[in-house]
Amino acid sequence: MNLITHFLSGAILAYFAFPKSWLTLVLVFIFSILPDMDGFWTKALYKHHRRSVFHAPLFWIFIAGIAFLINYFFNLIPNWIIYLFLSMILLHLLTDTITGRTAGVRYLYPFSKKEFTIYKRHPFEGDFKPLHPSERRLKHYLRYYMQNQVLLAFEILVTIVGIIFLIFFIRALF
């Protein structure tokens, strides 16, 4: 999935489960794309993306556990923000599991390096630098990305439904 689709899928969940506020919307944006922050420094998607701790659910559950523990003693933020954090991260990882084409999600990392995804992975199809892709490699990746019509339809559907719920979310703020 791309960053926009991750945000929109988070907006759908947030519409139903969290307070409707500008703060929620900003946090949904930040938290829903947080696992992809490794894309800012990775040299090639197929080698590094989704193979870091940022695509390991146990890492994020540990971080959320620490946040809950600190918040229990010091009451720094409302608990719903930590729930929002964890739910956006886990939703990101779930949608990456569904739509993963070049890499899966390592659900049991650091105990196992096995990657989980619904469709067969083709890691070398993601051989480009995310922030500075060559035009040739990017075109190759996009052609590959669009070959699986089911996954493409799923992402288009999430995008359309996400835009609708984002509009509803924003309208609820006024």
N, C-alpha and C. Protein backbone atom coordinates (compact mmCIF):
# COMPACT_ATOMS: atom_id res chain seq x y z
N MET A 1 0.83 -1.18 0.00
CA MET A 1 0.00 0.00 0.00
C MET A 1 0.88 1.24 0.00
N ASN A 2 0.32 2.30 -0.50
CA ASN A 2 1.05 3.55 -0.46
C ASN A 2 0.64 4.35 0.78
N LEU A 3 1.36 5.41 1.06
CA LEU A 3 1.12 6.17 2.29
C LEU A 3 -0.29 6.76 2.35
N ILE A 4 -0.79 7.23 1.21
CA ILE A 4 -2.13 7.82 1.19
C ILE A 4 -3.18 6.77 1.55
N THR A 5 -3.06 5.57 1.00
CA THR A 5 -4.03 4.51 1.28
C THR A 5 -3.93 4.07 2.74
N HIS A 6 -2.73 4.04 3.29
CA HIS A 6 -2.59 3.72 4.71
C HIS A 6 -3.32 4.77 5.56
N PHE A 7 -3.15 6.03 5.22
CA PHE A 7 -3.84 7.10 5.97
C PHE A 7 -5.35 6.96 5.83
N LEU A 8 -5.82 6.71 4.61
CA LEU A 8 -7.27 6.62 4.39
C LEU A 8 -7.88 5.41 5.09
N SER A 9 -7.16 4.29 5.12
CA SER A 9 -7.68 3.13 5.85
C SER A 9 -7.73 3.45 7.35
N GLY A 10 -6.75 4.20 7.83
CA GLY A 10 -6.78 4.64 9.23
C GLY A 10 -7.93 5.59 9.51
N ALA A 11 -8.24 6.44 8.55
CA ALA A 11 -9.37 7.38 8.71
C ALA A 11 -10.69 6.64 8.83
N ILE A 12 -10.83 5.54 8.08
CA ILE A 12 -12.06 4.74 8.17
C ILE A 12 -12.21 4.20 9.58
N LEU A 13 -11.17 3.59 10.12
CA LEU A 13 -11.22 3.03 11.46
C LEU A 13 -11.45 4.13 12.50
N ALA A 14 -10.74 5.23 12.36
CA ALA A 14 -10.86 6.33 13.33
C ALA A 14 -12.26 6.92 13.34
N TYR A 15 -12.92 6.96 12.19
CA TYR A 15 -14.27 7.50 12.12
C TYR A 15 -15.20 6.74 13.06
N PHE A 16 -15.04 5.44 13.14
CA PHE A 16 -15.93 4.62 13.95
C PHE A 16 -15.47 4.45 15.40
N ALA A 17 -14.18 4.58 15.67
CA ALA A 17 -13.68 4.15 16.97
C ALA A 17 -13.07 5.24 17.85
N PHE A 18 -12.86 6.44 17.31
CA PHE A 18 -12.15 7.44 18.10
C PHE A 18 -12.85 8.79 18.05
N PRO A 19 -12.51 9.67 19.01
CA PRO A 19 -13.14 11.00 19.03
C PRO A 19 -12.88 11.75 17.72
N LYS A 20 -13.86 12.49 17.29
CA LYS A 20 -13.71 13.26 16.07
C LYS A 20 -13.16 14.64 16.43
N SER A 21 -11.86 14.81 16.12
CA SER A 21 -11.19 16.09 16.38
C SER A 21 -10.05 16.24 15.39
N TRP A 22 -9.57 17.47 15.27
CA TRP A 22 -8.41 17.71 14.40
C TRP A 22 -7.20 16.96 14.92
N LEU A 23 -7.08 16.89 16.25
CA LEU A 23 -5.97 16.15 16.84
C LEU A 23 -6.01 14.68 16.39
N THR A 24 -7.18 14.09 16.44
CA THR A 24 -7.32 12.69 16.00
C THR A 24 -6.88 12.53 14.56
N LEU A 25 -7.32 13.44 13.71
CA LEU A 25 -6.99 13.34 12.28
C LEU A 25 -5.48 13.48 12.05
N VAL A 26 -4.86 14.40 12.73
CA VAL A 26 -3.40 14.57 12.59
C VAL A 26 -2.68 13.32 13.10
N LEU A 27 -3.12 12.80 14.24
CA LEU A 27 -2.49 11.60 14.79
C LEU A 27 -2.72 10.38 13.91
N VAL A 28 -3.90 10.28 13.31
CA VAL A 28 -4.17 9.17 12.37
C VAL A 28 -3.16 9.24 11.22
N PHE A 29 -2.94 10.43 10.70
CA PHE A 29 -1.98 10.58 9.60
C PHE A 29 -0.59 10.13 10.04
N ILE A 30 -0.13 10.62 11.17
CA ILE A 30 1.22 10.29 11.65
C ILE A 30 1.34 8.80 11.98
N PHE A 31 0.41 8.30 12.79
CA PHE A 31 0.51 6.92 13.26
C PHE A 31 0.31 5.90 12.13
N SER A 32 -0.55 6.21 11.16
CA SER A 32 -0.84 5.24 10.11
C SER A 32 0.31 5.06 9.13
N ILE A 33 1.20 6.03 9.04
CA ILE A 33 2.34 5.88 8.13
C ILE A 33 3.65 5.64 8.87
N LEU A 34 3.61 5.65 10.19
CA LEU A 34 4.81 5.48 11.00
C LEU A 34 5.64 4.23 10.65
N PRO A 35 5.03 3.07 10.43
CA PRO A 35 5.85 1.90 10.10
C PRO A 35 6.66 2.04 8.81
N ASP A 36 6.27 2.97 7.94
CA ASP A 36 6.99 3.14 6.68
C ASP A 36 8.12 4.16 6.78
N MET A 37 8.43 4.61 7.98
CA MET A 37 9.49 5.61 8.10
C MET A 37 10.84 5.06 7.67
N ASP A 38 11.00 3.75 7.67
CA ASP A 38 12.27 3.19 7.21
C ASP A 38 12.49 3.45 5.71
N GLY A 39 11.43 3.78 5.00
CA GLY A 39 11.56 4.11 3.58
C GLY A 39 12.35 5.38 3.32
N PHE A 40 12.51 6.21 4.35
CA PHE A 40 13.25 7.46 4.17
C PHE A 40 14.76 7.24 4.09
N TRP A 41 15.24 6.14 4.64
CA TRP A 41 16.69 5.92 4.59
C TRP A 41 17.09 4.60 3.96
N THR A 42 16.14 3.79 3.56
CA THR A 42 16.49 2.50 2.96
C THR A 42 17.09 2.70 1.57
N LYS A 43 18.02 1.83 1.22
CA LYS A 43 18.68 1.94 -0.09
C LYS A 43 17.89 1.23 -1.17
N ALA A 44 17.17 0.19 -0.82
CA ALA A 44 16.35 -0.53 -1.79
C ALA A 44 15.20 -1.18 -1.04
N LEU A 45 13.99 -1.01 -1.56
CA LEU A 45 12.81 -1.54 -0.87
C LEU A 45 12.91 -3.03 -0.62
N TYR A 46 13.33 -3.79 -1.61
CA TYR A 46 13.32 -5.24 -1.45
C TYR A 46 14.32 -5.71 -0.41
N LYS A 47 15.36 -4.93 -0.14
CA LYS A 47 16.37 -5.36 0.82
C LYS A 47 16.03 -4.96 2.25
N HIS A 48 15.38 -3.83 2.44
CA HIS A 48 15.27 -3.29 3.79
C HIS A 48 13.83 -3.00 4.25
N HIS A 49 12.99 -2.53 3.35
CA HIS A 49 11.65 -2.14 3.77
C HIS A 49 10.86 -3.36 4.26
N ARG A 50 10.18 -3.21 5.34
CA ARG A 50 9.43 -4.26 6.03
C ARG A 50 10.34 -5.31 6.64
N ARG A 51 11.61 -5.09 6.64
CA ARG A 51 12.52 -6.02 7.29
C ARG A 51 13.16 -5.37 8.51
N SER A 52 12.68 -4.20 8.86
CA SER A 52 13.19 -3.51 10.05
C SER A 52 12.19 -3.71 11.18
N VAL A 53 12.53 -3.23 12.35
CA VAL A 53 11.62 -3.36 13.49
C VAL A 53 10.33 -2.58 13.27
N PHE A 54 10.34 -1.64 12.33
CA PHE A 54 9.15 -0.82 12.10
C PHE A 54 8.00 -1.60 11.46
N HIS A 55 8.28 -2.76 10.92
CA HIS A 55 7.24 -3.64 10.40
C HIS A 55 7.14 -4.92 11.23
N ALA A 56 7.44 -4.79 12.51
CA ALA A 56 7.35 -5.92 13.45
C ALA A 56 6.32 -5.56 14.52
N PRO A 57 5.17 -6.21 14.51
CA PRO A 57 4.11 -5.88 15.48
C PRO A 57 4.56 -5.97 16.94
N LEU A 58 5.42 -6.94 17.26
CA LEU A 58 5.85 -7.08 18.65
C LEU A 58 6.61 -5.84 19.13
N PHE A 59 7.35 -5.20 18.24
CA PHE A 59 8.05 -3.95 18.58
C PHE A 59 7.04 -2.88 18.98
N TRP A 60 6.00 -2.71 18.17
CA TRP A 60 5.01 -1.66 18.43
C TRP A 60 4.15 -1.98 19.66
N ILE A 61 3.86 -3.25 19.86
CA ILE A 61 3.11 -3.64 21.07
C ILE A 61 3.94 -3.35 22.31
N PHE A 62 5.24 -3.60 22.23
CA PHE A 62 6.16 -3.29 23.33
C PHE A 62 6.18 -1.78 23.59
N ILE A 63 6.27 -0.97 22.53
CA ILE A 63 6.27 0.50 22.67
C ILE A 63 4.96 0.96 23.30
N ALA A 64 3.84 0.43 22.82
CA ALA A 64 2.54 0.81 23.38
C ALA A 64 2.43 0.38 24.84
N GLY A 65 2.97 -0.80 25.17
CA GLY A 65 2.97 -1.26 26.57
C GLY A 65 3.74 -0.31 27.47
N ILE A 66 4.88 0.14 27.01
CA ILE A 66 5.66 1.11 27.78
C ILE A 66 4.88 2.41 27.92
N ALA A 67 4.25 2.85 26.84
CA ALA A 67 3.45 4.09 26.89
C ALA A 67 2.30 3.95 27.89
N PHE A 68 1.61 2.81 27.88
CA PHE A 68 0.54 2.58 28.85
C PHE A 68 1.07 2.59 30.28
N LEU A 69 2.21 1.95 30.49
CA LEU A 69 2.81 1.89 31.82
C LEU A 69 3.19 3.29 32.32
N ILE A 70 3.86 4.06 31.47
CA ILE A 70 4.22 5.44 31.85
C ILE A 70 2.96 6.26 32.11
N ASN A 71 1.98 6.10 31.23
CA ASN A 71 0.74 6.86 31.39
C ASN A 71 -0.04 6.44 32.63
N TYR A 72 0.08 5.20 33.02
CA TYR A 72 -0.59 4.72 34.23
C TYR A 72 -0.07 5.48 35.46
N PHE A 73 1.23 5.69 35.49
CA PHE A 73 1.83 6.35 36.66
C PHE A 73 1.78 7.87 36.58
N PHE A 74 1.89 8.43 35.38
CA PHE A 74 2.01 9.88 35.25
C PHE A 74 0.84 10.56 34.56
N ASN A 75 -0.06 9.79 33.97
CA ASN A 75 -1.26 10.31 33.32
C ASN A 75 -0.95 11.51 32.42
N LEU A 76 -0.07 11.31 31.46
CA LEU A 76 0.39 12.39 30.60
C LEU A 76 -0.56 12.70 29.44
N ILE A 77 -1.17 11.66 28.89
CA ILE A 77 -2.08 11.83 27.75
C ILE A 77 -3.30 10.94 27.94
N PRO A 78 -4.40 11.26 27.27
CA PRO A 78 -5.56 10.36 27.35
C PRO A 78 -5.21 8.99 26.76
N ASN A 79 -5.70 7.93 27.38
CA ASN A 79 -5.40 6.57 26.91
C ASN A 79 -5.85 6.31 25.48
N TRP A 80 -6.89 7.03 25.03
CA TRP A 80 -7.37 6.78 23.67
C TRP A 80 -6.28 7.08 22.63
N ILE A 81 -5.34 7.98 22.95
CA ILE A 81 -4.26 8.29 22.01
C ILE A 81 -3.34 7.08 21.86
N ILE A 82 -3.08 6.37 22.95
CA ILE A 82 -2.25 5.17 22.87
C ILE A 82 -3.00 4.07 22.11
N TYR A 83 -4.30 3.94 22.36
CA TYR A 83 -5.10 2.98 21.59
C TYR A 83 -5.10 3.34 20.10
N LEU A 84 -5.21 4.63 19.80
CA LEU A 84 -5.16 5.09 18.41
C LEU A 84 -3.81 4.74 17.79
N PHE A 85 -2.74 5.02 18.53
CA PHE A 85 -1.39 4.69 18.07
C PHE A 85 -1.29 3.21 17.69
N LEU A 86 -1.65 2.35 18.62
CA LEU A 86 -1.51 0.92 18.39
C LEU A 86 -2.44 0.43 17.28
N SER A 87 -3.66 0.92 17.24
CA SER A 87 -4.60 0.45 16.22
C SER A 87 -4.18 0.90 14.82
N MET A 88 -3.63 2.11 14.68
CA MET A 88 -3.17 2.57 13.37
C MET A 88 -1.96 1.76 12.90
N ILE A 89 -1.05 1.47 13.82
CA ILE A 89 0.13 0.67 13.48
C ILE A 89 -0.30 -0.74 13.04
N LEU A 90 -1.16 -1.37 13.85
CA LEU A 90 -1.58 -2.74 13.53
C LEU A 90 -2.41 -2.80 12.25
N LEU A 91 -3.22 -1.77 12.01
CA LEU A 91 -3.97 -1.71 10.76
C LEU A 91 -3.01 -1.58 9.58
N HIS A 92 -1.99 -0.77 9.72
CA HIS A 92 -0.97 -0.62 8.68
C HIS A 92 -0.35 -1.99 8.36
N LEU A 93 0.02 -2.70 9.40
CA LEU A 93 0.68 -4.00 9.20
C LEU A 93 -0.29 -5.03 8.60
N LEU A 94 -1.54 -4.98 9.02
CA LEU A 94 -2.55 -5.88 8.44
C LEU A 94 -2.74 -5.59 6.95
N THR A 95 -2.87 -4.32 6.59
CA THR A 95 -3.06 -4.00 5.17
C THR A 95 -1.80 -4.31 4.36
N ASP A 96 -0.63 -4.18 4.98
CA ASP A 96 0.60 -4.60 4.29
C ASP A 96 0.62 -6.12 4.09
N THR A 97 0.07 -6.85 5.02
CA THR A 97 -0.01 -8.31 4.87
C THR A 97 -0.94 -8.66 3.71
N ILE A 98 -2.03 -7.95 3.59
CA ILE A 98 -3.00 -8.21 2.52
C ILE A 98 -2.44 -7.81 1.16
N THR A 99 -1.79 -6.66 1.10
CA THR A 99 -1.38 -6.11 -0.20
C THR A 99 0.10 -6.28 -0.50
N GLY A 100 0.84 -6.96 0.36
CA GLY A 100 2.28 -7.11 0.15
C GLY A 100 2.60 -7.81 -1.16
N ARG A 101 3.41 -7.17 -1.95
CA ARG A 101 3.81 -7.75 -3.24
C ARG A 101 5.29 -8.10 -3.25
N THR A 102 6.10 -7.28 -2.56
CA THR A 102 7.55 -7.51 -2.58
C THR A 102 8.10 -7.97 -1.23
N ALA A 103 7.34 -7.76 -0.16
CA ALA A 103 7.78 -8.18 1.17
C ALA A 103 6.55 -8.41 2.03
N GLY A 104 6.69 -9.31 2.99
CA GLY A 104 5.60 -9.56 3.92
C GLY A 104 5.85 -8.85 5.24
N VAL A 105 5.09 -9.20 6.24
CA VAL A 105 5.24 -8.63 7.58
C VAL A 105 5.79 -9.72 8.49
N ARG A 106 6.78 -9.39 9.25
CA ARG A 106 7.40 -10.35 10.17
C ARG A 106 6.68 -10.25 11.52
N TYR A 107 5.58 -10.97 11.64
CA TYR A 107 4.75 -10.89 12.84
C TYR A 107 5.46 -11.40 14.09
N LEU A 108 6.37 -12.30 13.95
CA LEU A 108 7.03 -12.89 15.12
C LEU A 108 8.45 -12.39 15.33
N TYR A 109 8.86 -11.37 14.58
CA TYR A 109 10.19 -10.82 14.73
C TYR A 109 10.33 -10.22 16.13
N PRO A 110 11.37 -10.45 16.87
CA PRO A 110 12.69 -10.95 16.54
C PRO A 110 12.85 -12.46 16.73
N PHE A 111 11.77 -13.16 17.04
CA PHE A 111 11.85 -14.60 17.27
C PHE A 111 11.88 -15.40 15.98
N SER A 112 11.38 -14.82 14.92
CA SER A 112 11.37 -15.49 13.62
C SER A 112 11.45 -14.41 12.54
N LYS A 113 12.13 -14.75 11.45
CA LYS A 113 12.24 -13.81 10.33
C LYS A 113 11.26 -14.15 9.21
N LYS A 114 10.36 -15.09 9.48
CA LYS A 114 9.38 -15.48 8.46
C LYS A 114 8.46 -14.30 8.16
N GLU A 115 8.26 -14.07 6.87
CA GLU A 115 7.39 -12.98 6.41
C GLU A 115 6.03 -13.55 6.02
N PHE A 116 4.98 -12.88 6.45
CA PHE A 116 3.63 -13.30 6.15
C PHE A 116 2.99 -12.33 5.16
N THR A 117 2.38 -12.89 4.15
CA THR A 117 1.63 -12.11 3.18
C THR A 117 0.62 -13.06 2.52
N ILE A 118 -0.42 -12.51 1.96
CA ILE A 118 -1.45 -13.35 1.36
C ILE A 118 -1.01 -13.88 -0.01
N TYR A 119 -0.44 -13.01 -0.82
CA TYR A 119 -0.02 -13.40 -2.15
C TYR A 119 1.48 -13.71 -2.16
N LYS A 120 1.88 -14.45 -3.16
CA LYS A 120 3.30 -14.79 -3.30
C LYS A 120 4.12 -13.51 -3.48
N ARG A 121 5.22 -13.46 -2.75
CA ARG A 121 6.09 -12.30 -2.82
C ARG A 121 7.08 -12.42 -3.98
N HIS A 122 7.44 -11.28 -4.52
CA HIS A 122 8.49 -11.18 -5.53
C HIS A 122 9.41 -10.04 -5.10
N PRO A 123 10.33 -10.34 -4.17
CA PRO A 123 11.12 -9.28 -3.54
C PRO A 123 11.92 -8.41 -4.50
N PHE A 124 12.45 -8.96 -5.56
CA PHE A 124 13.33 -8.17 -6.42
C PHE A 124 12.57 -7.20 -7.32
N GLU A 125 11.25 -7.32 -7.34
CA GLU A 125 10.45 -6.35 -8.11
C GLU A 125 10.44 -4.99 -7.42
N GLY A 126 10.78 -4.96 -6.15
CA GLY A 126 10.82 -3.70 -5.41
C GLY A 126 12.22 -3.14 -5.31
N ASP A 127 13.03 -3.40 -6.32
CA ASP A 127 14.43 -3.00 -6.31
C ASP A 127 14.60 -1.55 -6.78
N PHE A 128 14.25 -0.60 -5.91
CA PHE A 128 14.52 0.80 -6.21
C PHE A 128 14.60 1.58 -4.92
N LYS A 129 15.17 2.76 -5.00
CA LYS A 129 15.29 3.63 -3.84
C LYS A 129 14.03 4.46 -3.74
N PRO A 130 13.29 4.37 -2.64
CA PRO A 130 11.99 5.02 -2.55
C PRO A 130 12.02 6.54 -2.75
N LEU A 131 13.02 7.22 -2.22
CA LEU A 131 13.04 8.67 -2.35
C LEU A 131 13.72 9.15 -3.63
N HIS A 132 14.53 8.30 -4.24
CA HIS A 132 15.24 8.69 -5.45
C HIS A 132 15.24 7.54 -6.47
N PRO A 133 14.06 7.11 -6.90
CA PRO A 133 14.03 5.97 -7.83
C PRO A 133 14.44 6.41 -9.23
N SER A 134 15.11 5.52 -9.93
CA SER A 134 15.37 5.80 -11.34
C SER A 134 14.04 5.63 -12.07
N GLU A 135 13.88 6.36 -13.12
CA GLU A 135 12.61 6.30 -13.85
C GLU A 135 12.34 4.89 -14.36
N ARG A 136 13.38 4.23 -14.85
CA ARG A 136 13.23 2.88 -15.39
C ARG A 136 12.79 1.90 -14.31
N ARG A 137 13.43 1.92 -13.13
CA ARG A 137 13.08 1.00 -12.05
C ARG A 137 11.68 1.30 -11.51
N LEU A 138 11.34 2.57 -11.40
CA LEU A 138 10.01 2.94 -10.90
C LEU A 138 8.93 2.47 -11.87
N LYS A 139 9.13 2.68 -13.16
CA LYS A 139 8.14 2.21 -14.14
C LYS A 139 7.98 0.69 -14.07
N HIS A 140 9.12 0.00 -13.95
CA HIS A 140 9.08 -1.47 -13.82
C HIS A 140 8.28 -1.87 -12.59
N TYR A 141 8.53 -1.22 -11.46
CA TYR A 141 7.82 -1.54 -10.23
C TYR A 141 6.32 -1.26 -10.37
N LEU A 142 5.97 -0.13 -10.94
CA LEU A 142 4.55 0.22 -11.08
C LEU A 142 3.82 -0.75 -12.01
N ARG A 143 4.49 -1.18 -13.07
CA ARG A 143 3.88 -2.21 -13.95
C ARG A 143 3.63 -3.49 -13.16
N TYR A 144 4.61 -3.89 -12.38
CA TYR A 144 4.47 -5.09 -11.55
C TYR A 144 3.36 -4.89 -10.51
N TYR A 145 3.34 -3.72 -9.90
CA TYR A 145 2.38 -3.40 -8.84
C TYR A 145 0.94 -3.53 -9.35
N MET A 146 0.73 -3.15 -10.58
CA MET A 146 -0.63 -3.14 -11.13
C MET A 146 -1.03 -4.46 -11.78
N GLN A 147 -0.16 -5.43 -11.83
CA GLN A 147 -0.49 -6.72 -12.43
C GLN A 147 -1.55 -7.48 -11.65
N ASN A 148 -1.49 -7.42 -10.33
CA ASN A 148 -2.44 -8.16 -9.52
C ASN A 148 -3.72 -7.32 -9.41
N GLN A 149 -4.69 -7.65 -10.22
CA GLN A 149 -5.92 -6.86 -10.32
C GLN A 149 -6.73 -6.89 -9.01
N VAL A 150 -6.68 -7.99 -8.28
CA VAL A 150 -7.43 -8.08 -7.02
C VAL A 150 -6.86 -7.09 -6.00
N LEU A 151 -5.54 -7.08 -5.87
CA LEU A 151 -4.92 -6.15 -4.92
C LEU A 151 -5.12 -4.71 -5.35
N LEU A 152 -5.01 -4.45 -6.62
CA LEU A 152 -5.23 -3.10 -7.13
C LEU A 152 -6.66 -2.65 -6.86
N ALA A 153 -7.63 -3.53 -7.10
CA ALA A 153 -9.03 -3.21 -6.82
C ALA A 153 -9.25 -2.96 -5.33
N PHE A 154 -8.61 -3.76 -4.49
CA PHE A 154 -8.72 -3.57 -3.03
C PHE A 154 -8.20 -2.19 -2.63
N GLU A 155 -7.05 -1.81 -3.16
CA GLU A 155 -6.48 -0.52 -2.81
C GLU A 155 -7.33 0.64 -3.34
N ILE A 156 -7.88 0.49 -4.53
CA ILE A 156 -8.75 1.53 -5.08
C ILE A 156 -10.01 1.64 -4.23
N LEU A 157 -10.58 0.50 -3.83
CA LEU A 157 -11.76 0.51 -2.97
C LEU A 157 -11.47 1.18 -1.63
N VAL A 158 -10.35 0.83 -1.01
CA VAL A 158 -9.98 1.46 0.27
C VAL A 158 -9.81 2.96 0.08
N THR A 159 -9.23 3.36 -1.03
CA THR A 159 -9.03 4.79 -1.30
C THR A 159 -10.36 5.51 -1.43
N ILE A 160 -11.28 4.96 -2.20
CA ILE A 160 -12.59 5.60 -2.41
C ILE A 160 -13.38 5.66 -1.10
N VAL A 161 -13.47 4.53 -0.40
CA VAL A 161 -14.21 4.50 0.87
C VAL A 161 -13.52 5.40 1.89
N GLY A 162 -12.18 5.40 1.89
CA GLY A 162 -11.43 6.25 2.81
C GLY A 162 -11.69 7.72 2.58
N ILE A 163 -11.76 8.14 1.33
CA ILE A 163 -12.05 9.55 1.02
C ILE A 163 -13.45 9.91 1.50
N ILE A 164 -14.39 9.02 1.30
CA ILE A 164 -15.77 9.27 1.77
C ILE A 164 -15.80 9.44 3.28
N PHE A 165 -15.15 8.53 4.01
CA PHE A 165 -15.16 8.64 5.47
C PHE A 165 -14.31 9.80 5.97
N LEU A 166 -13.29 10.17 5.23
CA LEU A 166 -12.50 11.35 5.59
C LEU A 166 -13.37 12.60 5.48
N ILE A 167 -14.18 12.66 4.44
CA ILE A 167 -15.12 13.78 4.28
C ILE A 167 -16.12 13.79 5.44
N PHE A 168 -16.68 12.63 5.78
CA PHE A 168 -17.60 12.55 6.92
C PHE A 168 -16.90 12.99 8.21
N PHE A 169 -15.67 12.56 8.38
CA PHE A 169 -14.90 12.89 9.59
C PHE A 169 -14.72 14.40 9.68
N ILE A 170 -14.30 15.01 8.59
CA ILE A 170 -14.06 16.45 8.59
C ILE A 170 -15.38 17.22 8.77
N ARG A 171 -16.45 16.76 8.14
CA ARG A 171 -17.75 17.41 8.31
C ARG A 171 -18.20 17.36 9.76
N ALA A 172 -17.87 16.28 10.47
CA ALA A 172 -18.25 16.16 11.87
C ALA A 172 -17.53 17.18 12.75
N LEU A 173 -16.46 17.76 12.25
CA LEU A 173 -15.68 18.73 13.02
C LEU A 173 -16.30 20.12 12.99
N PHE A 174 -17.23 20.34 12.05
CA PHE A 174 -17.83 21.67 11.91
C PHE A 174 -19.26 21.69 12.41
